[in-house]
Amino acid sequence: MRTARSRGRAVSDGPLVLRYLPNASDPPRNRYGVIAGRKCGGSVQRNRLKRVTREALRALHPEMRAGYDLVIIIRGTVDELPGSEEARQLLVRMLRRAGLLVPVPARDGGQEP
C-alpha cells in the first residue's frame, strides 16, 4: 500500500483522493487501503469516515477491474462525507476517470416478468 500511495496515479474528487497502481497478484485481485488523517477530526470521526468509505468500496468491488492496489485518502470531514451513498457517488466518478470501473451485465436478460 505504501508503494501505491507514493508511486501510484492519483484521481481526486471533493474530499477523496484515489491512488492506484497495478499489482502482480496471481490470480488478479484488488487490495484496498483507506486513510483518514488527523485533519478529518477526532478518532470517532476518522473511524466513521473510513467505515463509510469501506462500505462504498464493498458495494463497488464487483464492478471494478481486478489487479490493482487502491488507496483512498480522505481529506474532508463528516460534514462533507455524511454517508456511504455520497462516498459511493464520489468513488464511481473517480473510478470511471481512472478507467477501473467495468459495467456488470444485467442478470435478468432484459425481460420483464
PDB file of N, CA and C in Angstrom:
ATOM      1  N   MET A   1       0.808  -1.186   0.000  1.00  0.00           N
ATOM      2  CA  MET A   1       0.000   0.000   0.000  1.00  0.00           C
ATOM      3  C   MET A   1       0.864   1.269   0.000  1.00  0.00           C
ATOM      4  N   ARG A   2       2.007   1.179   0.631  1.00  0.00           N
ATOM      5  CA  ARG A   2       2.906   2.326   0.674  1.00  0.00           C
ATOM      6  C   ARG A   2       3.375   2.698  -0.736  1.00  0.00           C
ATOM      7  N   THR A   3       3.640   1.685  -1.555  1.00  0.00           N
ATOM      8  CA  THR A   3       4.084   1.933  -2.924  1.00  0.00           C
ATOM      9  C   THR A   3       2.975   2.571  -3.741  1.00  0.00           C
ATOM     10  N   ALA A   4       1.749   2.091  -3.586  1.00  0.00           N
ATOM     11  CA  ALA A   4       0.615   2.669  -4.318  1.00  0.00           C
ATOM     12  C   ALA A   4       0.415   4.124  -3.924  1.00  0.00           C
ATOM     13  N   ARG A   5       0.606   4.411  -2.651  1.00  0.00           N
ATOM     14  CA  ARG A   5       0.411   5.788  -2.203  1.00  0.00           C
ATOM     15  C   ARG A   5       1.505   6.707  -2.723  1.00  0.00           C
ATOM     16  N   SER A   6       2.715   6.232  -2.782  1.00  0.00           N
ATOM     17  CA  SER A   6       3.817   7.105  -3.204  1.00  0.00           C
ATOM     18  C   SER A   6       4.009   7.148  -4.718  1.00  0.00           C
ATOM     19  N   ARG A   7       3.810   6.031  -5.411  1.00  0.00           N
ATOM     20  CA  ARG A   7       4.094   5.970  -6.848  1.00  0.00           C
ATOM     21  C   ARG A   7       2.860   5.851  -7.729  1.00  0.00           C
ATOM     22  N   GLY A   8       1.711   5.593  -7.128  1.00  0.00           N
ATOM     23  CA  GLY A   8       0.503   5.367  -7.912  1.00  0.00           C
ATOM     24  C   GLY A   8      -0.029   6.631  -8.549  1.00  0.00           C
ATOM     25  N   ARG A   9      -0.877   6.440  -9.549  1.00  0.00           N
ATOM     26  CA  ARG A   9      -1.532   7.565 -10.200  1.00  0.00           C
ATOM     27  C   ARG A   9      -2.646   8.063  -9.299  1.00  0.00           C
ATOM     28  N   ALA A  10      -2.942   9.345  -9.378  1.00  0.00           N
ATOM     29  CA  ALA A  10      -3.920   9.943  -8.470  1.00  0.00           C
ATOM     30  C   ALA A  10      -5.099  10.529  -9.226  1.00  0.00           C
ATOM     31  N   VAL A  11      -6.281  10.368  -8.627  1.00  0.00           N
ATOM     32  CA  VAL A  11      -7.510  10.992  -9.095  1.00  0.00           C
ATOM     33  C   VAL A  11      -8.197  11.531  -7.854  1.00  0.00           C
ATOM     34  N   SER A  12      -8.674  12.782  -7.905  1.00  0.00           N
ATOM     35  CA  SER A  12      -9.344  13.327  -6.726  1.00  0.00           C
ATOM     36  C   SER A  12     -10.707  13.874  -7.106  1.00  0.00           C
ATOM     37  N   ASP A  13     -11.596  13.864  -6.123  1.00  0.00           N
ATOM     38  CA  ASP A  13     -12.933  14.423  -6.298  1.00  0.00           C
ATOM     39  C   ASP A  13     -13.451  14.812  -4.918  1.00  0.00           C
ATOM     40  N   GLY A  14     -13.554  16.101  -4.673  1.00  0.00           N
ATOM     41  CA  GLY A  14     -14.057  16.575  -3.385  1.00  0.00           C
ATOM     42  C   GLY A  14     -13.158  16.146  -2.241  1.00  0.00           C
ATOM     43  N   PRO A  15     -13.743  15.508  -1.224  1.00  0.00           N
ATOM     44  CA  PRO A  15     -12.960  15.155  -0.037  1.00  0.00           C
ATOM     45  C   PRO A  15     -12.168  13.855  -0.165  1.00  0.00           C
ATOM     46  N   LEU A  16     -12.174  13.200  -1.334  1.00  0.00           N
ATOM     47  CA  LEU A  16     -11.477  11.924  -1.501  1.00  0.00           C
ATOM     48  C   LEU A  16     -10.388  12.022  -2.559  1.00  0.00           C
ATOM     49  N   VAL A  17      -9.314  11.274  -2.346  1.00  0.00           N
ATOM     50  CA  VAL A  17      -8.240  11.122  -3.329  1.00  0.00           C
ATOM     51  C   VAL A  17      -8.041   9.622  -3.523  1.00  0.00           C
ATOM     52  N   LEU A  18      -8.009   9.177  -4.768  1.00  0.00           N
ATOM     53  CA  LEU A  18      -7.766   7.777  -5.093  1.00  0.00           C
ATOM     54  C   LEU A  18      -6.386   7.663  -5.710  1.00  0.00           C
ATOM     55  N   ARG A  19      -5.549   6.807  -5.132  1.00  0.00           N
ATOM     56  CA  ARG A  19      -4.241   6.498  -5.719  1.00  0.00           C
ATOM     57  C   ARG A  19      -4.262   5.027  -6.072  1.00  0.00           C
ATOM     58  N   TYR A  20      -3.870   4.696  -7.297  1.00  0.00           N
ATOM     59  CA  TYR A  20      -3.945   3.313  -7.751  1.00  0.00           C
ATOM     60  C   TYR A  20      -2.700   2.929  -8.529  1.00  0.00           C
ATOM     61  N   LEU A  21      -2.371   1.632  -8.425  1.00  0.00           N
ATOM     62  CA  LEU A  21      -1.170   1.094  -9.048  1.00  0.00           C
ATOM     63  C   LEU A  21      -1.430  -0.374  -9.366  1.00  0.00           C
ATOM     64  N   PRO A  22      -1.097  -0.830 -10.577  1.00  0.00           N
ATOM     65  CA  PRO A  22      -1.281  -2.265 -10.871  1.00  0.00           C
ATOM     66  C   PRO A  22      -0.412  -3.112  -9.944  1.00  0.00           C
ATOM     67  N   ASN A  23      -0.946  -4.266  -9.515  1.00  0.00           N
ATOM     68  CA  ASN A  23      -0.147  -5.164  -8.683  1.00  0.00           C
ATOM     69  C   ASN A  23       0.121  -6.457  -9.453  1.00  0.00           C
ATOM     70  N   ALA A  24       0.970  -7.303  -8.911  1.00  0.00           N
ATOM     71  CA  ALA A  24       1.376  -8.531  -9.593  1.00  0.00           C
ATOM     72  C   ALA A  24       0.755  -9.761  -8.948  1.00  0.00           C
ATOM     73  N   SER A  25      -0.448  -9.628  -8.399  1.00  0.00           N
ATOM     74  CA  SER A  25      -1.071 -10.779  -7.745  1.00  0.00           C
ATOM     75  C   SER A  25      -1.573 -11.776  -8.788  1.00  0.00           C
ATOM     76  N   ASP A  26      -1.475 -13.047  -8.449  1.00  0.00           N
ATOM     77  CA  ASP A  26      -1.917 -14.110  -9.346  1.00  0.00           C
ATOM     78  C   ASP A  26      -2.784 -15.073  -8.554  1.00  0.00           C
ATOM     79  N   PRO A  27      -4.058 -15.197  -8.803  1.00  0.00           N
ATOM     80  CA  PRO A  27      -4.874 -14.525  -9.830  1.00  0.00           C
ATOM     81  C   PRO A  27      -5.058 -13.045  -9.501  1.00  0.00           C
ATOM     82  N   PRO A  28      -5.391 -12.244 -10.528  1.00  0.00           N
ATOM     83  CA  PRO A  28      -5.549 -10.799 -10.297  1.00  0.00           C
ATOM     84  C   PRO A  28      -6.628 -10.505  -9.257  1.00  0.00           C
ATOM     85  N   ARG A  29      -6.285  -9.656  -8.306  1.00  0.00           N
ATOM     86  CA  ARG A  29      -7.255  -9.235  -7.296  1.00  0.00           C
ATOM     87  C   ARG A  29      -6.882  -7.841  -6.838  1.00  0.00           C
ATOM     88  N   ASN A  30      -7.854  -7.162  -6.284  1.00  0.00           N
ATOM     89  CA  ASN A  30      -7.627  -5.813  -5.779  1.00  0.00           C
ATOM     90  C   ASN A  30      -7.311  -5.846  -4.296  1.00  0.00           C
ATOM     91  N   ARG A  31      -6.473  -4.896  -3.890  1.00  0.00           N
ATOM     92  CA  ARG A  31      -6.183  -4.690  -2.473  1.00  0.00           C
ATOM     93  C   ARG A  31      -6.495  -3.232  -2.172  1.00  0.00           C
ATOM     94  N   TYR A  32      -7.121  -3.008  -1.012  1.00  0.00           N
ATOM     95  CA  TYR A  32      -7.599  -1.679  -0.673  1.00  0.00           C
ATOM     96  C   TYR A  32      -6.981  -1.172   0.618  1.00  0.00           C
ATOM     97  N   GLY A  33      -6.800   0.133   0.684  1.00  0.00           N
ATOM     98  CA  GLY A  33      -6.394   0.805   1.906  1.00  0.00           C
ATOM     99  C   GLY A  33      -7.162   2.112   2.011  1.00  0.00           C
ATOM    100  N   VAL A  34      -7.616   2.444   3.208  1.00  0.00           N
ATOM    101  CA  VAL A  34      -8.355   3.679   3.429  1.00  0.00           C
ATOM    102  C   VAL A  34      -7.626   4.454   4.528  1.00  0.00           C
ATOM    103  N   ILE A  35      -7.317   5.719   4.241  1.00  0.00           N
ATOM    104  CA  ILE A  35      -6.548   6.545   5.160  1.00  0.00           C
ATOM    105  C   ILE A  35      -7.329   7.822   5.463  1.00  0.00           C
ATOM    106  N   ALA A  36      -7.445   8.149   6.724  1.00  0.00           N
ATOM    107  CA  ALA A  36      -8.048   9.418   7.147  1.00  0.00           C
ATOM    108  C   ALA A  36      -7.083  10.077   8.115  1.00  0.00           C
ATOM    109  N   GLY A  37      -6.601  11.256   7.768  1.00  0.00           N
ATOM    110  CA  GLY A  37      -5.634  11.954   8.603  1.00  0.00           C
ATOM    111  C   GLY A  37      -6.278  12.676   9.769  1.00  0.00           C
ATOM    112  N   ARG A  38      -5.470  13.245  10.609  1.00  0.00           N
ATOM    113  CA  ARG A  38      -5.953  13.910  11.816  1.00  0.00           C
ATOM    114  C   ARG A  38      -6.735  15.181  11.519  1.00  0.00           C
ATOM    115  N   LYS A  39      -6.569  15.745  10.329  1.00  0.00           N
ATOM    116  CA  LYS A  39      -7.318  16.948   9.962  1.00  0.00           C
ATOM    117  C   LYS A  39      -8.800  16.647   9.740  1.00  0.00           C
ATOM    118  N   CYS A  40      -9.153  15.367   9.631  1.00  0.00           N
ATOM    119  CA  CYS A  40     -10.545  14.968   9.408  1.00  0.00           C
ATOM    120  C   CYS A  40     -11.366  15.036  10.687  1.00  0.00           C
ATOM    121  N   GLY A  41     -10.737  15.146  11.820  1.00  0.00           N
ATOM    122  CA  GLY A  41     -11.452  15.211  13.094  1.00  0.00           C
ATOM    123  C   GLY A  41     -10.836  14.272  14.100  1.00  0.00           C
ATOM    124  N   GLY A  42     -11.586  14.046  15.176  1.00  0.00           N
ATOM    125  CA  GLY A  42     -11.122  13.138  16.214  1.00  0.00           C
ATOM    126  C   GLY A  42     -11.192  11.691  15.760  1.00  0.00           C
ATOM    127  N   SER A  43     -10.806  10.786  16.642  1.00  0.00           N
ATOM    128  CA  SER A  43     -10.756   9.370  16.258  1.00  0.00           C
ATOM    129  C   SER A  43     -12.127   8.821  15.888  1.00  0.00           C
ATOM    130  N   VAL A  44     -13.178   9.280  16.552  1.00  0.00           N
ATOM    131  CA  VAL A  44     -14.527   8.803  16.236  1.00  0.00           C
ATOM    132  C   VAL A  44     -14.914   9.223  14.822  1.00  0.00           C
ATOM    133  N   GLN A  45     -14.650  10.478  14.472  1.00  0.00           N
ATOM    134  CA  GLN A  45     -14.973  10.964  13.128  1.00  0.00           C
ATOM    135  C   GLN A  45     -14.131  10.273  12.063  1.00  0.00           C
ATOM    136  N   ARG A  46     -12.829  10.096  12.335  1.00  0.00           N
ATOM    137  CA  ARG A  46     -11.959   9.425  11.354  1.00  0.00           C
ATOM    138  C   ARG A  46     -12.409   7.995  11.114  1.00  0.00           C
ATOM    139  N   ASN A  47     -12.734   7.272  12.180  1.00  0.00           N
ATOM    140  CA  ASN A  47     -13.184   5.887  12.014  1.00  0.00           C
ATOM    141  C   ASN A  47     -14.514   5.817  11.288  1.00  0.00           C
ATOM    142  N   ARG A  48     -15.416   6.767  11.533  1.00  0.00           N
ATOM    143  CA  ARG A  48     -16.685   6.795  10.817  1.00  0.00           C
ATOM    144  C   ARG A  48     -16.456   7.022   9.315  1.00  0.00           C
ATOM    145  N   LEU A  49     -15.584   7.970   8.979  1.00  0.00           N
ATOM    146  CA  LEU A  49     -15.280   8.240   7.576  1.00  0.00           C
ATOM    147  C   LEU A  49     -14.697   7.005   6.889  1.00  0.00           C
ATOM    148  N   LYS A  50     -13.813   6.302   7.582  1.00  0.00           N
ATOM    149  CA  LYS A  50     -13.218   5.091   6.998  1.00  0.00           C
ATOM    150  C   LYS A  50     -14.260   3.991   6.823  1.00  0.00           C
ATOM    151  N   ARG A  51     -15.156   3.823   7.803  1.00  0.00           N
ATOM    152  CA  ARG A  51     -16.222   2.818   7.699  1.00  0.00           C
ATOM    153  C   ARG A  51     -17.139   3.108   6.517  1.00  0.00           C
ATOM    154  N   VAL A  52     -17.534   4.370   6.381  1.00  0.00           N
ATOM    155  CA  VAL A  52     -18.424   4.779   5.297  1.00  0.00           C
ATOM    156  C   VAL A  52     -17.751   4.526   3.939  1.00  0.00           C
ATOM    157  N   THR A  53     -16.485   4.854   3.836  1.00  0.00           N
ATOM    158  CA  THR A  53     -15.753   4.670   2.575  1.00  0.00           C
ATOM    159  C   THR A  53     -15.563   3.189   2.264  1.00  0.00           C
ATOM    160  N   ARG A  54     -15.247   2.374   3.275  1.00  0.00           N
ATOM    161  CA  ARG A  54     -15.098   0.929   3.048  1.00  0.00           C
ATOM    162  C   ARG A  54     -16.406   0.299   2.585  1.00  0.00           C
ATOM    163  N   GLU A  55     -17.523   0.745   3.152  1.00  0.00           N
ATOM    164  CA  GLU A  55     -18.828   0.218   2.748  1.00  0.00           C
ATOM    165  C   GLU A  55     -19.111   0.552   1.284  1.00  0.00           C
ATOM    166  N   ALA A  56     -18.775   1.757   0.861  1.00  0.00           N
ATOM    167  CA  ALA A  56     -18.949   2.139  -0.544  1.00  0.00           C
ATOM    168  C   ALA A  56     -18.043   1.300  -1.453  1.00  0.00           C
ATOM    169  N   LEU A  57     -16.811   1.044  -1.026  1.00  0.00           N
ATOM    170  CA  LEU A  57     -15.896   0.199  -1.795  1.00  0.00           C
ATOM    171  C   LEU A  57     -16.427  -1.224  -1.916  1.00  0.00           C
ATOM    172  N   ARG A  58     -16.977  -1.740  -0.817  1.00  0.00           N
ATOM    173  CA  ARG A  58     -17.521  -3.094  -0.817  1.00  0.00           C
ATOM    174  C   ARG A  58     -18.641  -3.232  -1.836  1.00  0.00           C
ATOM    175  N   ALA A  59     -19.472  -2.212  -1.960  1.00  0.00           N
ATOM    176  CA  ALA A  59     -20.571  -2.245  -2.924  1.00  0.00           C
ATOM    177  C   ALA A  59     -20.063  -2.162  -4.365  1.00  0.00           C
ATOM    178  N   LEU A  60     -18.954  -1.473  -4.581  1.00  0.00           N
ATOM    179  CA  LEU A  60     -18.416  -1.285  -5.934  1.00  0.00           C
ATOM    180  C   LEU A  60     -17.444  -2.379  -6.363  1.00  0.00           C
ATOM    181  N   HIS A  61     -16.993  -3.196  -5.448  1.00  0.00           N
ATOM    182  CA  HIS A  61     -15.973  -4.206  -5.751  1.00  0.00           C
ATOM    183  C   HIS A  61     -16.313  -5.097  -6.962  1.00  0.00           C
ATOM    184  N   PRO A  62     -17.551  -5.623  -7.116  1.00  0.00           N
ATOM    185  CA  PRO A  62     -17.819  -6.484  -8.268  1.00  0.00           C
ATOM    186  C   PRO A  62     -17.718  -5.776  -9.620  1.00  0.00           C
ATOM    187  N   GLU A  63     -17.833  -4.467  -9.628  1.00  0.00           N
ATOM    188  CA  GLU A  63     -17.799  -3.715 -10.883  1.00  0.00           C
ATOM    189  C   GLU A  63     -16.403  -3.208 -11.240  1.00  0.00           C
ATOM    190  N   MET A  64     -15.409  -3.519 -10.422  1.00  0.00           N
ATOM    191  CA  MET A  64     -14.077  -2.973 -10.638  1.00  0.00           C
ATOM    192  C   MET A  64     -13.158  -3.945 -11.367  1.00  0.00           C
ATOM    193  N   ARG A  65     -12.263  -3.371 -12.143  1.00  0.00           N
ATOM    194  CA  ARG A  65     -11.236  -4.141 -12.837  1.00  0.00           C
ATOM    195  C   ARG A  65     -10.275  -4.713 -11.796  1.00  0.00           C
ATOM    196  N   ALA A  66      -9.895  -5.973 -11.943  1.00  0.00           N
ATOM    197  CA  ALA A  66      -9.050  -6.647 -10.947  1.00  0.00           C
ATOM    198  C   ALA A  66      -7.568  -6.422 -11.239  1.00  0.00           C
ATOM    199  N   GLY A  67      -6.751  -6.530 -10.180  1.00  0.00           N
ATOM    200  CA  GLY A  67      -5.301  -6.468 -10.332  1.00  0.00           C
ATOM    201  C   GLY A  67      -4.686  -5.134  -9.948  1.00  0.00           C
ATOM    202  N   TYR A  68      -5.317  -4.414  -9.015  1.00  0.00           N
ATOM    203  CA  TYR A  68      -4.817  -3.099  -8.626  1.00  0.00           C
ATOM    204  C   TYR A  68      -4.723  -2.970  -7.108  1.00  0.00           C
ATOM    205  N   ASP A  69      -3.775  -2.157  -6.667  1.00  0.00           N
ATOM    206  CA  ASP A  69      -3.716  -1.697  -5.289  1.00  0.00           C
ATOM    207  C   ASP A  69      -4.346  -0.313  -5.283  1.00  0.00           C
ATOM    208  N   LEU A  70      -5.356  -0.117  -4.448  1.00  0.00           N
ATOM    209  CA  LEU A  70      -6.049   1.160  -4.387  1.00  0.00           C
ATOM    210  C   LEU A  70      -5.971   1.722  -2.975  1.00  0.00           C
ATOM    211  N   VAL A  71      -5.589   2.987  -2.878  1.00  0.00           N
ATOM    212  CA  VAL A  71      -5.545   3.673  -1.596  1.00  0.00           C
ATOM    213  C   VAL A  71      -6.472   4.878  -1.709  1.00  0.00           C
ATOM    214  N   ILE A  72      -7.443   4.961  -0.803  1.00  0.00           N
ATOM    215  CA  ILE A  72      -8.357   6.090  -0.757  1.00  0.00           C
ATOM    216  C   ILE A  72      -7.935   6.950   0.425  1.00  0.00           C
ATOM    217  N   ILE A  73      -7.613   8.198   0.143  1.00  0.00           N
ATOM    218  CA  ILE A  73      -7.191   9.146   1.167  1.00  0.00           C
ATOM    219  C   ILE A  73      -8.351  10.112   1.395  1.00  0.00           C
ATOM    220  N   ILE A  74      -8.796  10.203   2.629  1.00  0.00           N
ATOM    221  CA  ILE A  74      -9.920  11.070   2.966  1.00  0.00           C
ATOM    222  C   ILE A  74      -9.361  12.391   3.476  1.00  0.00           C
ATOM    223  N   ARG A  75      -9.746  13.479   2.809  1.00  0.00           N
ATOM    224  CA  ARG A  75      -9.273  14.806   3.208  1.00  0.00           C
ATOM    225  C   ARG A  75     -10.366  15.629   3.877  1.00  0.00           C
ATOM    226  N   GLY A  76     -11.614  15.210   3.718  1.00  0.00           N
ATOM    227  CA  GLY A  76     -12.730  16.000   4.218  1.00  0.00           C
ATOM    228  C   GLY A  76     -13.176  15.597   5.608  1.00  0.00           C
ATOM    229  N   THR A  77     -14.258  16.226   6.051  1.00  0.00           N
ATOM    230  CA  THR A  77     -14.816  15.955   7.370  1.00  0.00           C
ATOM    231  C   THR A  77     -16.124  15.186   7.227  1.00  0.00           C
ATOM    232  N   VAL A  78     -16.734  14.863   8.346  1.00  0.00           N
ATOM    233  CA  VAL A  78     -18.006  14.139   8.348  1.00  0.00           C
ATOM    234  C   VAL A  78     -19.087  14.970   7.656  1.00  0.00           C
ATOM    235  N   ASP A  79     -19.002  16.289   7.722  1.00  0.00           N
ATOM    236  CA  ASP A  79     -19.974  17.149   7.045  1.00  0.00           C
ATOM    237  C   ASP A  79     -19.902  17.000   5.534  1.00  0.00           C
ATOM    238  N   GLU A  80     -18.713  16.790   4.987  1.00  0.00           N
ATOM    239  CA  GLU A  80     -18.540  16.652   3.540  1.00  0.00           C
ATOM    240  C   GLU A  80     -18.837  15.243   3.045  1.00  0.00           C
ATOM    241  N   LEU A  81     -18.754  14.260   3.913  1.00  0.00           N
ATOM    242  CA  LEU A  81     -18.949  12.856   3.542  1.00  0.00           C
ATOM    243  C   LEU A  81     -19.847  12.187   4.591  1.00  0.00           C
ATOM    244  N   PRO A  82     -21.151  12.543   4.611  1.00  0.00           N
ATOM    245  CA  PRO A  82     -22.009  12.074   5.702  1.00  0.00           C
ATOM    246  C   PRO A  82     -22.428  10.616   5.628  1.00  0.00           C
ATOM    247  N   GLY A  83     -22.448  10.010   4.438  1.00  0.00           N
ATOM    248  CA  GLY A  83     -22.921   8.630   4.340  1.00  0.00           C
ATOM    249  C   GLY A  83     -22.259   7.865   3.218  1.00  0.00           C
ATOM    250  N   SER A  84     -22.555   6.556   3.157  1.00  0.00           N
ATOM    251  CA  SER A  84     -21.914   5.703   2.163  1.00  0.00           C
ATOM    252  C   SER A  84     -22.414   5.993   0.744  1.00  0.00           C
ATOM    253  N   GLU A  85     -23.631   6.526   0.596  1.00  0.00           N
ATOM    254  CA  GLU A  85     -24.125   6.846  -0.749  1.00  0.00           C
ATOM    255  C   GLU A  85     -23.327   7.999  -1.355  1.00  0.00           C
ATOM    256  N   GLU A  86     -23.015   9.009  -0.565  1.00  0.00           N
ATOM    257  CA  GLU A  86     -22.191  10.117  -1.059  1.00  0.00           C
ATOM    258  C   GLU A  86     -20.792   9.618  -1.410  1.00  0.00           C
ATOM    259  N   ALA A  87     -20.228   8.773  -0.554  1.00  0.00           N
ATOM    260  CA  ALA A  87     -18.903   8.203  -0.821  1.00  0.00           C
ATOM    261  C   ALA A  87     -18.938   7.352  -2.083  1.00  0.00           C
ATOM    262  N   ARG A  88     -20.016   6.583  -2.270  1.00  0.00           N
ATOM    263  CA  ARG A  88     -20.145   5.736  -3.459  1.00  0.00           C
ATOM    264  C   ARG A  88     -20.176   6.584  -4.729  1.00  0.00           C
ATOM    265  N   GLN A  89     -20.926   7.682  -4.719  1.00  0.00           N
ATOM    266  CA  GLN A  89     -21.000   8.550  -5.896  1.00  0.00           C
ATOM    267  C   GLN A  89     -19.632   9.139  -6.235  1.00  0.00           C
ATOM    268  N   LEU A  90     -18.909   9.587  -5.218  1.00  0.00           N
ATOM    269  CA  LEU A  90     -17.567  10.131  -5.453  1.00  0.00           C
ATOM    270  C   LEU A  90     -16.633   9.055  -5.994  1.00  0.00           C
ATOM    271  N   LEU A  91     -16.682   7.862  -5.405  1.00  0.00           N
ATOM    272  CA  LEU A  91     -15.808   6.771  -5.858  1.00  0.00           C
ATOM    273  C   LEU A  91     -16.139   6.354  -7.283  1.00  0.00           C
ATOM    274  N   VAL A  92     -17.411   6.306  -7.643  1.00  0.00           N
ATOM    275  CA  VAL A  92     -17.794   5.939  -9.014  1.00  0.00           C
ATOM    276  C   VAL A  92     -17.195   6.932 -10.005  1.00  0.00           C
ATOM    277  N   ARG A  93     -17.305   8.227  -9.704  1.00  0.00           N
ATOM    278  CA  ARG A  93     -16.746   9.235 -10.612  1.00  0.00           C
ATOM    279  C   ARG A  93     -15.232   9.088 -10.746  1.00  0.00           C
ATOM    280  N   MET A  94     -14.551   8.861  -9.609  1.00  0.00           N
ATOM    281  CA  MET A  94     -13.092   8.727  -9.662  1.00  0.00           C
ATOM    282  C   MET A  94     -12.679   7.452 -10.383  1.00  0.00           C
ATOM    283  N   LEU A  95     -13.359   6.335 -10.114  1.00  0.00           N
ATOM    284  CA  LEU A  95     -13.009   5.065 -10.764  1.00  0.00           C
ATOM    285  C   LEU A  95     -13.259   5.119 -12.261  1.00  0.00           C
ATOM    286  N   ARG A  96     -14.309   5.820 -12.688  1.00  0.00           N
ATOM    287  CA  ARG A  96     -14.558   5.982 -14.128  1.00  0.00           C
ATOM    288  C   ARG A  96     -13.437   6.777 -14.777  1.00  0.00           C
ATOM    289  N   ARG A  97     -13.014   7.870 -14.117  1.00  0.00           N
ATOM    290  CA  ARG A  97     -11.917   8.668 -14.670  1.00  0.00           C
ATOM    291  C   ARG A  97     -10.629   7.871 -14.748  1.00  0.00           C
ATOM    292  N   ALA A  98     -10.424   6.972 -13.787  1.00  0.00           N
ATOM    293  CA  ALA A  98      -9.205   6.156 -13.772  1.00  0.00           C
ATOM    294  C   ALA A  98      -9.303   4.957 -14.713  1.00  0.00           C
ATOM    295  N   GLY A  99     -10.496   4.665 -15.227  1.00  0.00           N
ATOM    296  CA  GLY A  99     -10.683   3.519 -16.116  1.00  0.00           C
ATOM    297  C   GLY A  99     -10.715   2.193 -15.381  1.00  0.00           C
ATOM    298  N   LEU A 100     -11.086   2.202 -14.112  1.00  0.00           N
ATOM    299  CA  LEU A 100     -11.093   0.985 -13.307  1.00  0.00           C
ATOM    300  C   LEU A 100     -12.486   0.400 -13.115  1.00  0.00           C
ATOM    301  N   LEU A 101     -13.506   1.041 -13.657  1.00  0.00           N
ATOM    302  CA  LEU A 101     -14.876   0.570 -13.475  1.00  0.00           C
ATOM    303  C   LEU A 101     -15.333  -0.160 -14.733  1.00  0.00           C
ATOM    304  N   VAL A 102     -15.759  -1.395 -14.557  1.00  0.00           N
ATOM    305  CA  VAL A 102     -16.237  -2.218 -15.672  1.00  0.00           C
ATOM    306  C   VAL A 102     -17.720  -2.467 -15.439  1.00  0.00           C
ATOM    307  N   PRO A 103     -18.588  -2.157 -16.402  1.00  0.00           N
ATOM    308  CA  PRO A 103     -20.027  -2.384 -16.190  1.00  0.00           C
ATOM    309  C   PRO A 103     -20.339  -3.874 -16.080  1.00  0.00           C
ATOM    310  N   VAL A 104     -21.177  -4.206 -15.102  1.00  0.00           N
ATOM    311  CA  VAL A 104     -21.591  -5.595 -14.888  1.00  0.00           C
ATOM    312  C   VAL A 104     -22.840  -5.844 -15.728  1.00  0.00           C
ATOM    313  N   PRO A 105     -22.881  -6.923 -16.523  1.00  0.00           N
ATOM    314  CA  PRO A 105     -24.069  -7.195 -17.339  1.00  0.00           C
ATOM    315  C   PRO A 105     -25.286  -7.498 -16.454  1.00  0.00           C
ATOM    316  N   ALA A 106     -26.456  -7.119 -16.959  1.00  0.00           N
ATOM    317  CA  ALA A 106     -27.693  -7.368 -16.221  1.00  0.00           C
ATOM    318  C   ALA A 106     -27.975  -8.851 -16.146  1.00  0.00           C
ATOM    319  N   ARG A 107     -28.475  -9.312 -15.004  1.00  0.00           N
ATOM    320  CA  ARG A 107     -28.707 -10.742 -14.794  1.00  0.00           C
ATOM    321  C   ARG A 107     -30.058 -11.214 -15.311  1.00  0.00           C
ATOM    322  N   ASP A 108     -31.015 -10.289 -15.434  1.00  0.00           N
ATOM    323  CA  ASP A 108     -32.372 -10.703 -15.786  1.00  0.00           C
ATOM    324  C   ASP A 108     -32.565 -10.937 -17.286  1.00  0.00           C
ATOM    325  N   GLY A 109     -31.582 -10.658 -18.092  1.00  0.00           N
ATOM    326  CA  GLY A 109     -31.677 -10.911 -19.525  1.00  0.00           C
ATOM    327  C   GLY A 109     -32.495  -9.863 -20.270  1.00  0.00           C
ATOM    328  N   GLY A 110     -32.894  -8.785 -19.599  1.00  0.00           N
ATOM    329  CA  GLY A 110     -33.601  -7.705 -20.251  1.00  0.00           C
ATOM    330  C   GLY A 110     -35.085  -7.948 -20.403  1.00  0.00           C
ATOM    331  N   GLN A 111     -35.620  -9.006 -19.832  1.00  0.00           N
ATOM    332  CA  GLN A 111     -37.046  -9.309 -19.940  1.00  0.00           C
ATOM    333  C   GLN A 111     -37.754  -8.927 -18.658  1.00  0.00           C
ATOM    334  N   GLU A 112     -38.982  -8.394 -18.830  1.00  0.00           N
ATOM    335  CA  GLU A 112     -39.775  -8.065 -17.657  1.00  0.00           C
ATOM    336  C   GLU A 112     -40.688  -9.203 -17.322  1.00  0.00           C
ATOM    337  N   PRO A 113     -40.995  -9.434 -16.042  1.00  0.00           N
ATOM    338  CA  PRO A 113     -41.860 -10.556 -15.651  1.00  0.00           C
ATOM    339  C   PRO A 113     -43.290 -10.368 -16.063  1.00  0.00           C
TER     340      PRO A 113
END
